[in-house]
Amino acid sequence: MTDDTHTQDGAPEPERRVVAGWHGRYYEDFAVGDVYKHPFGRTVTETDNVWFTNVTMNLNPMHFNEAYAAGTEFGERLVDGTFVIALAVGMSVIDVSVNATANLGYDRVRHHAPVYHGDTIFAESEVLEKRESDSRDHVGIVTTELRAYNQDETKVLSLERTPMVLKRAYADPSAAQPPGWPEGIGTQPEDS
């Protein structure tokens, strides 16, 4: 019979516990003027651009016709601007809207410079304003400016984004049931 509280080399078995990961920001966590530099850059590939252009039926040959694009002022295909928007917004979700119940709008969208295959995009969000919801007690409304840059520090995109974000008291986050997990899935505290 073996002692289950020790490892093979006789050292005590470490205590096992369920520890909370990042649950995202709740309405109370936002402060006007805060800037969140979103983790991880993302290199845009030719496949990203061609796939997204075809899926969205964007028929501008600048995105999928190399011969056409070579004859333009850019000399090569450009990445579809709506892909750049989707990518930057997606990068911001971890910091801005993991706990959003809805996105109310995207305003002041500006493409500052073209994005090419092989560019690596980085994004950050600055909190511009926040306010209580007039019609829903469980959320607040947060407006951020989302800015995206390429590897050469050139700003390629900016936009304002306004999600409704849950208040912490209504979210009831826990280590055993983080956002998006159904109750009882995976390791539970009683399994420790």
C-alpha atoms as a PDB file:
ATOM      1  CA  MET A   1       0.000   0.000   0.000  1.00  0.00           C
ATOM      2  CA  THR A   2       1.383   3.470  -0.900  1.00  0.00           C
ATOM      3  CA  ASP A   3       0.944   6.725   0.936  1.00  0.00           C
ATOM      4  CA  ASP A   4      -0.971   9.049  -1.447  1.00  0.00           C
ATOM      5  CA  THR A   5       0.158  12.186   0.390  1.00  0.00           C
ATOM      6  CA  HIS A   6       3.766  11.902  -0.793  1.00  0.00           C
ATOM      7  CA  THR A   7       5.443  11.873  -4.194  1.00  0.00           C
ATOM      8  CA  GLN A   8       7.606   8.960  -5.401  1.00  0.00           C
ATOM      9  CA  ASP A   9      10.717  10.606  -3.985  1.00  0.00           C
ATOM     10  CA  GLY A  10       9.092  10.953  -0.560  1.00  0.00           C
ATOM     11  CA  ALA A  11       8.423  14.709  -0.739  1.00  0.00           C
ATOM     12  CA  PRO A  12       5.014  15.849   0.492  1.00  0.00           C
ATOM     13  CA  GLU A  13       2.401  16.131  -2.265  1.00  0.00           C
ATOM     14  CA  PRO A  14       1.633  19.840  -2.961  1.00  0.00           C
ATOM     15  CA  GLU A  15      -1.808  21.016  -1.887  1.00  0.00           C
ATOM     16  CA  ARG A  16      -4.189  21.070  -4.851  1.00  0.00           C
ATOM     17  CA  ARG A  17      -6.631  23.970  -5.089  1.00  0.00           C
ATOM     18  CA  VAL A  18      -8.768  25.774  -7.652  1.00  0.00           C
ATOM     19  CA  VAL A  19      -7.414  29.309  -8.089  1.00  0.00           C
ATOM     20  CA  ALA A  20      -9.246  32.123  -9.853  1.00  0.00           C
ATOM     21  CA  GLY A  21      -7.780  33.263 -13.150  1.00  0.00           C
ATOM     22  CA  TRP A  22      -8.444  36.568 -14.865  1.00  0.00           C
ATOM     23  CA  HIS A  23     -12.201  37.197 -14.885  1.00  0.00           C
ATOM     24  CA  GLY A  24     -12.009  40.470 -16.772  1.00  0.00           C
ATOM     25  CA  ARG A  25     -12.931  43.929 -15.583  1.00  0.00           C
ATOM     26  CA  TYR A  26     -16.302  44.783 -14.140  1.00  0.00           C
ATOM     27  CA  TYR A  27     -17.883  48.226 -14.356  1.00  0.00           C
ATOM     28  CA  GLU A  28     -16.359  49.291 -11.015  1.00  0.00           C
ATOM     29  CA  ASP A  29     -12.842  48.490 -12.252  1.00  0.00           C
ATOM     30  CA  PHE A  30     -12.813  51.128 -14.996  1.00  0.00           C
ATOM     31  CA  ALA A  31     -11.405  54.610 -14.338  1.00  0.00           C
ATOM     32  CA  VAL A  32     -11.385  57.463 -16.836  1.00  0.00           C
ATOM     33  CA  GLY A  33      -7.840  57.945 -18.126  1.00  0.00           C
ATOM     34  CA  ASP A  34      -6.715  54.357 -17.590  1.00  0.00           C
ATOM     35  CA  VAL A  35      -4.889  52.823 -20.576  1.00  0.00           C
ATOM     36  CA  TYR A  36      -4.838  49.045 -21.052  1.00  0.00           C
ATOM     37  CA  LYS A  37      -2.111  47.721 -23.337  1.00  0.00           C
ATOM     38  CA  HIS A  38      -3.690  44.505 -24.562  1.00  0.00           C
ATOM     39  CA  PRO A  39      -1.490  41.410 -24.310  1.00  0.00           C
ATOM     40  CA  PHE A  40      -0.051  39.751 -27.390  1.00  0.00           C
ATOM     41  CA  GLY A  41       0.588  41.196 -30.802  1.00  0.00           C
ATOM     42  CA  ARG A  42      -0.846  39.362 -33.795  1.00  0.00           C
ATOM     43  CA  THR A  43       0.848  39.017 -37.181  1.00  0.00           C
ATOM     44  CA  VAL A  44      -1.609  39.308 -40.061  1.00  0.00           C
ATOM     45  CA  THR A  45      -1.154  36.604 -42.675  1.00  0.00           C
ATOM     46  CA  GLU A  46      -2.141  36.440 -46.315  1.00  0.00           C
ATOM     47  CA  THR A  47      -4.547  33.652 -45.381  1.00  0.00           C
ATOM     48  CA  ASP A  48      -6.272  35.902 -42.811  1.00  0.00           C
ATOM     49  CA  ASN A  49      -6.823  38.576 -45.421  1.00  0.00           C
ATOM     50  CA  VAL A  50      -7.952  36.358 -48.297  1.00  0.00           C
ATOM     51  CA  TRP A  51     -10.241  34.298 -46.066  1.00  0.00           C
ATOM     52  CA  PHE A  52     -11.850  37.322 -44.393  1.00  0.00           C
ATOM     53  CA  THR A  53     -12.243  39.158 -47.709  1.00  0.00           C
ATOM     54  CA  ASN A  54     -13.952  36.150 -49.291  1.00  0.00           C
ATOM     55  CA  VAL A  55     -16.155  35.322 -46.280  1.00  0.00           C
ATOM     56  CA  THR A  56     -17.427  38.903 -46.118  1.00  0.00           C
ATOM     57  CA  MET A  57     -17.773  39.167 -49.919  1.00  0.00           C
ATOM     58  CA  ASN A  58     -15.603  42.276 -50.103  1.00  0.00           C
ATOM     59  CA  LEU A  59     -15.164  42.549 -53.868  1.00  0.00           C
ATOM     60  CA  ASN A  60     -12.496  45.254 -53.898  1.00  0.00           C
ATOM     61  CA  PRO A  61      -9.613  43.672 -55.870  1.00  0.00           C
ATOM     62  CA  MET A  62      -7.130  45.585 -53.676  1.00  0.00           C
ATOM     63  CA  HIS A  63      -7.522  42.765 -51.147  1.00  0.00           C
ATOM     64  CA  PHE A  64      -7.344  39.641 -53.294  1.00  0.00           C
ATOM     65  CA  ASN A  65      -5.885  40.469 -56.742  1.00  0.00           C
ATOM     66  CA  GLU A  66      -2.086  40.812 -56.634  1.00  0.00           C
ATOM     67  CA  ALA A  67      -1.789  41.968 -60.271  1.00  0.00           C
ATOM     68  CA  TYR A  68      -4.353  44.714 -59.716  1.00  0.00           C
ATOM     69  CA  ALA A  69      -2.856  45.820 -56.383  1.00  0.00           C
ATOM     70  CA  ALA A  70       0.670  45.939 -57.885  1.00  0.00           C
ATOM     71  CA  GLY A  71      -0.515  48.722 -60.202  1.00  0.00           C
ATOM     72  CA  THR A  72      -1.820  50.915 -57.349  1.00  0.00           C
ATOM     73  CA  GLU A  73       0.045  53.487 -55.268  1.00  0.00           C
ATOM     74  CA  PHE A  74       0.556  50.794 -52.589  1.00  0.00           C
ATOM     75  CA  GLY A  75       2.191  48.277 -54.955  1.00  0.00           C
ATOM     76  CA  GLU A  76       0.724  45.265 -53.165  1.00  0.00           C
ATOM     77  CA  ARG A  77      -2.490  43.978 -51.633  1.00  0.00           C
ATOM     78  CA  LEU A  78      -3.835  45.716 -48.541  1.00  0.00           C
ATOM     79  CA  VAL A  79      -5.381  43.920 -45.599  1.00  0.00           C
ATOM     80  CA  ASP A  80      -9.149  44.401 -45.497  1.00  0.00           C
ATOM     81  CA  GLY A  81      -9.845  47.299 -43.117  1.00  0.00           C
ATOM     82  CA  THR A  82     -12.777  45.522 -41.499  1.00  0.00           C
ATOM     83  CA  PHE A  83     -10.421  42.664 -40.608  1.00  0.00           C
ATOM     84  CA  VAL A  84      -8.152  45.172 -38.850  1.00  0.00           C
ATOM     85  CA  ILE A  85     -11.173  46.483 -36.918  1.00  0.00           C
ATOM     86  CA  ALA A  86     -12.257  42.966 -35.931  1.00  0.00           C
ATOM     87  CA  LEU A  87      -8.715  42.017 -34.909  1.00  0.00           C
ATOM     88  CA  ALA A  88      -8.179  45.124 -32.756  1.00  0.00           C
ATOM     89  CA  VAL A  89     -11.587  44.786 -31.101  1.00  0.00           C
ATOM     90  CA  GLY A  90     -10.894  41.111 -30.436  1.00  0.00           C
ATOM     91  CA  MET A  91      -7.545  41.976 -28.848  1.00  0.00           C
ATOM     92  CA  SER A  92      -9.323  44.415 -26.507  1.00  0.00           C
ATOM     93  CA  VAL A  93     -11.960  41.979 -25.236  1.00  0.00           C
ATOM     94  CA  ILE A  94      -9.693  40.506 -22.536  1.00  0.00           C
ATOM     95  CA  ASP A  95      -9.394  43.926 -20.873  1.00  0.00           C
ATOM     96  CA  VAL A  96     -12.570  45.775 -21.864  1.00  0.00           C
ATOM     97  CA  SER A  97     -15.514  43.515 -22.557  1.00  0.00           C
ATOM     98  CA  VAL A  98     -15.151  39.989 -21.184  1.00  0.00           C
ATOM     99  CA  ASN A  99     -18.031  40.968 -18.896  1.00  0.00           C
ATOM    100  CA  ALA A 100     -19.999  43.043 -21.395  1.00  0.00           C
ATOM    101  CA  THR A 101     -23.660  42.252 -21.968  1.00  0.00           C
ATOM    102  CA  ALA A 102     -23.762  44.192 -25.258  1.00  0.00           C
ATOM    103  CA  ASN A 103     -21.720  46.499 -27.451  1.00  0.00           C
ATOM    104  CA  LEU A 104     -23.730  49.669 -27.952  1.00  0.00           C
ATOM    105  CA  GLY A 105     -21.640  51.196 -30.687  1.00  0.00           C
ATOM    106  CA  TYR A 106     -18.440  51.773 -32.587  1.00  0.00           C
ATOM    107  CA  ASP A 107     -17.837  55.424 -33.402  1.00  0.00           C
ATOM    108  CA  ARG A 108     -15.176  57.637 -34.939  1.00  0.00           C
ATOM    109  CA  VAL A 109     -13.572  54.743 -36.830  1.00  0.00           C
ATOM    110  CA  ARG A 110     -10.408  55.888 -38.604  1.00  0.00           C
ATOM    111  CA  HIS A 111      -7.863  53.955 -40.646  1.00  0.00           C
ATOM    112  CA  HIS A 112      -4.659  55.966 -40.211  1.00  0.00           C
ATOM    113  CA  ALA A 113      -2.342  53.822 -42.325  1.00  0.00           C
ATOM    114  CA  PRO A 114      -2.591  50.686 -44.471  1.00  0.00           C
ATOM    115  CA  VAL A 115      -1.953  47.219 -43.080  1.00  0.00           C
ATOM    116  CA  TYR A 116      -0.016  44.697 -45.186  1.00  0.00           C
ATOM    117  CA  HIS A 117       0.454  40.935 -45.019  1.00  0.00           C
ATOM    118  CA  GLY A 118       3.146  40.272 -42.411  1.00  0.00           C
ATOM    119  CA  ASP A 119       2.399  43.350 -40.279  1.00  0.00           C
ATOM    120  CA  THR A 120       2.098  42.659 -36.561  1.00  0.00           C
ATOM    121  CA  ILE A 121      -0.719  44.548 -34.878  1.00  0.00           C
ATOM    122  CA  PHE A 122      -0.736  45.688 -31.233  1.00  0.00           C
ATOM    123  CA  ALA A 123      -3.698  47.363 -29.517  1.00  0.00           C
ATOM    124  CA  GLU A 124      -4.475  49.473 -26.479  1.00  0.00           C
ATOM    125  CA  SER A 125      -7.639  51.001 -25.032  1.00  0.00           C
ATOM    126  CA  GLU A 126      -8.061  54.221 -23.064  1.00  0.00           C
ATOM    127  CA  VAL A 127     -11.127  54.754 -20.885  1.00  0.00           C
ATOM    128  CA  LEU A 128     -12.792  57.986 -22.045  1.00  0.00           C
ATOM    129  CA  GLU A 129     -15.925  57.941 -19.896  1.00  0.00           C
ATOM    130  CA  LYS A 130     -18.141  55.736 -17.773  1.00  0.00           C
ATOM    131  CA  ARG A 131     -21.614  56.131 -16.387  1.00  0.00           C
ATOM    132  CA  GLU A 132     -24.384  54.190 -14.716  1.00  0.00           C
ATOM    133  CA  SER A 133     -27.031  52.800 -17.044  1.00  0.00           C
ATOM    134  CA  ASP A 134     -30.315  54.707 -16.908  1.00  0.00           C
ATOM    135  CA  SER A 135     -32.395  51.610 -17.641  1.00  0.00           C
ATOM    136  CA  ARG A 136     -30.447  48.639 -16.217  1.00  0.00           C
ATOM    137  CA  ASP A 137     -29.205  48.411 -12.629  1.00  0.00           C
ATOM    138  CA  HIS A 138     -26.856  45.485 -13.325  1.00  0.00           C
ATOM    139  CA  VAL A 139     -24.602  47.267 -15.857  1.00  0.00           C
ATOM    140  CA  GLY A 140     -22.701  50.464 -16.473  1.00  0.00           C
ATOM    141  CA  ILE A 141     -21.706  52.004 -19.782  1.00  0.00           C
ATOM    142  CA  VAL A 142     -18.013  52.428 -20.594  1.00  0.00           C
ATOM    143  CA  THR A 143     -16.566  54.266 -23.602  1.00  0.00           C
ATOM    144  CA  THR A 144     -13.007  53.554 -24.652  1.00  0.00           C
ATOM    145  CA  GLU A 145     -10.761  54.695 -27.462  1.00  0.00           C
ATOM    146  CA  LEU A 146      -9.170  51.662 -29.095  1.00  0.00           C
ATOM    147  CA  ARG A 147      -5.885  52.301 -30.896  1.00  0.00           C
ATOM    148  CA  ALA A 148      -3.958  49.804 -33.012  1.00  0.00           C
ATOM    149  CA  TYR A 149      -0.337  50.071 -34.136  1.00  0.00           C
ATOM    150  CA  ASN A 150       1.947  48.058 -36.394  1.00  0.00           C
ATOM    151  CA  GLN A 151       5.443  46.798 -35.543  1.00  0.00           C
ATOM    152  CA  ASP A 152       6.929  50.108 -36.731  1.00  0.00           C
ATOM    153  CA  GLU A 153       4.905  52.079 -34.135  1.00  0.00           C
ATOM    154  CA  THR A 154       2.620  53.484 -36.857  1.00  0.00           C
ATOM    155  CA  LYS A 155      -0.949  53.992 -35.707  1.00  0.00           C
ATOM    156  CA  VAL A 156      -3.108  52.070 -38.183  1.00  0.00           C
ATOM    157  CA  LEU A 157      -6.548  52.325 -36.554  1.00  0.00           C
ATOM    158  CA  SER A 158      -8.520  54.173 -33.933  1.00  0.00           C
ATOM    159  CA  LEU A 159     -12.140  53.944 -32.885  1.00  0.00           C
ATOM    160  CA  GLU A 160     -14.406  54.554 -29.938  1.00  0.00           C
ATOM    161  CA  ARG A 161     -16.144  51.521 -28.485  1.00  0.00           C
ATOM    162  CA  THR A 162     -19.013  51.564 -25.993  1.00  0.00           C
ATOM    163  CA  PRO A 163     -20.020  48.337 -24.238  1.00  0.00           C
ATOM    164  CA  MET A 164     -22.462  47.792 -21.374  1.00  0.00           C
ATOM    165  CA  VAL A 165     -20.397  46.072 -18.676  1.00  0.00           C
ATOM    166  CA  LEU A 166     -21.684  43.982 -15.784  1.00  0.00           C
ATOM    167  CA  LYS A 167     -21.309  45.239 -12.245  1.00  0.00           C
ATOM    168  CA  ARG A 168     -19.381  42.858 -10.007  1.00  0.00           C
ATOM    169  CA  ALA A 169     -22.300  42.224  -7.623  1.00  0.00           C
ATOM    170  CA  TYR A 170     -24.378  40.837 -10.495  1.00  0.00           C
ATOM    171  CA  ALA A 171     -21.620  38.669 -11.954  1.00  0.00           C
ATOM    172  CA  ASP A 172     -20.727  36.594  -8.878  1.00  0.00           C
ATOM    173  CA  PRO A 173     -17.432  35.293 -10.330  1.00  0.00           C
ATOM    174  CA  SER A 174     -15.671  32.348  -8.727  1.00  0.00           C
ATOM    175  CA  ALA A 175     -12.620  30.183  -9.310  1.00  0.00           C
ATOM    176  CA  ALA A 176     -14.863  27.171  -9.966  1.00  0.00           C
ATOM    177  CA  GLN A 177     -17.138  29.010 -12.405  1.00  0.00           C
ATOM    178  CA  PRO A 178     -15.306  31.771 -14.318  1.00  0.00           C
ATOM    179  CA  PRO A 179     -17.077  33.795 -17.034  1.00  0.00           C
ATOM    180  CA  GLY A 180     -18.423  31.542 -19.772  1.00  0.00           C
ATOM    181  CA  TRP A 181     -18.180  28.244 -17.857  1.00  0.00           C
ATOM    182  CA  PRO A 182     -21.334  26.313 -16.982  1.00  0.00           C
ATOM    183  CA  GLU A 183     -21.677  25.275 -13.349  1.00  0.00           C
ATOM    184  CA  GLY A 184     -19.885  22.060 -12.382  1.00  0.00           C
ATOM    185  CA  ILE A 185     -17.597  21.719 -15.442  1.00  0.00           C
ATOM    186  CA  GLY A 186     -13.954  20.796 -14.811  1.00  0.00           C
ATOM    187  CA  THR A 187     -12.087  20.666 -11.514  1.00  0.00           C
ATOM    188  CA  GLN A 188     -14.167  21.835  -8.564  1.00  0.00           C
ATOM    189  CA  PRO A 189     -12.967  22.940  -5.090  1.00  0.00           C
ATOM    190  CA  GLU A 190     -14.248  19.708  -3.557  1.00  0.00           C
ATOM    191  CA  ASP A 191     -11.947  17.765  -5.944  1.00  0.00           C
ATOM    192  CA  SER A 192      -8.898  19.174  -4.149  1.00  0.00           C
END
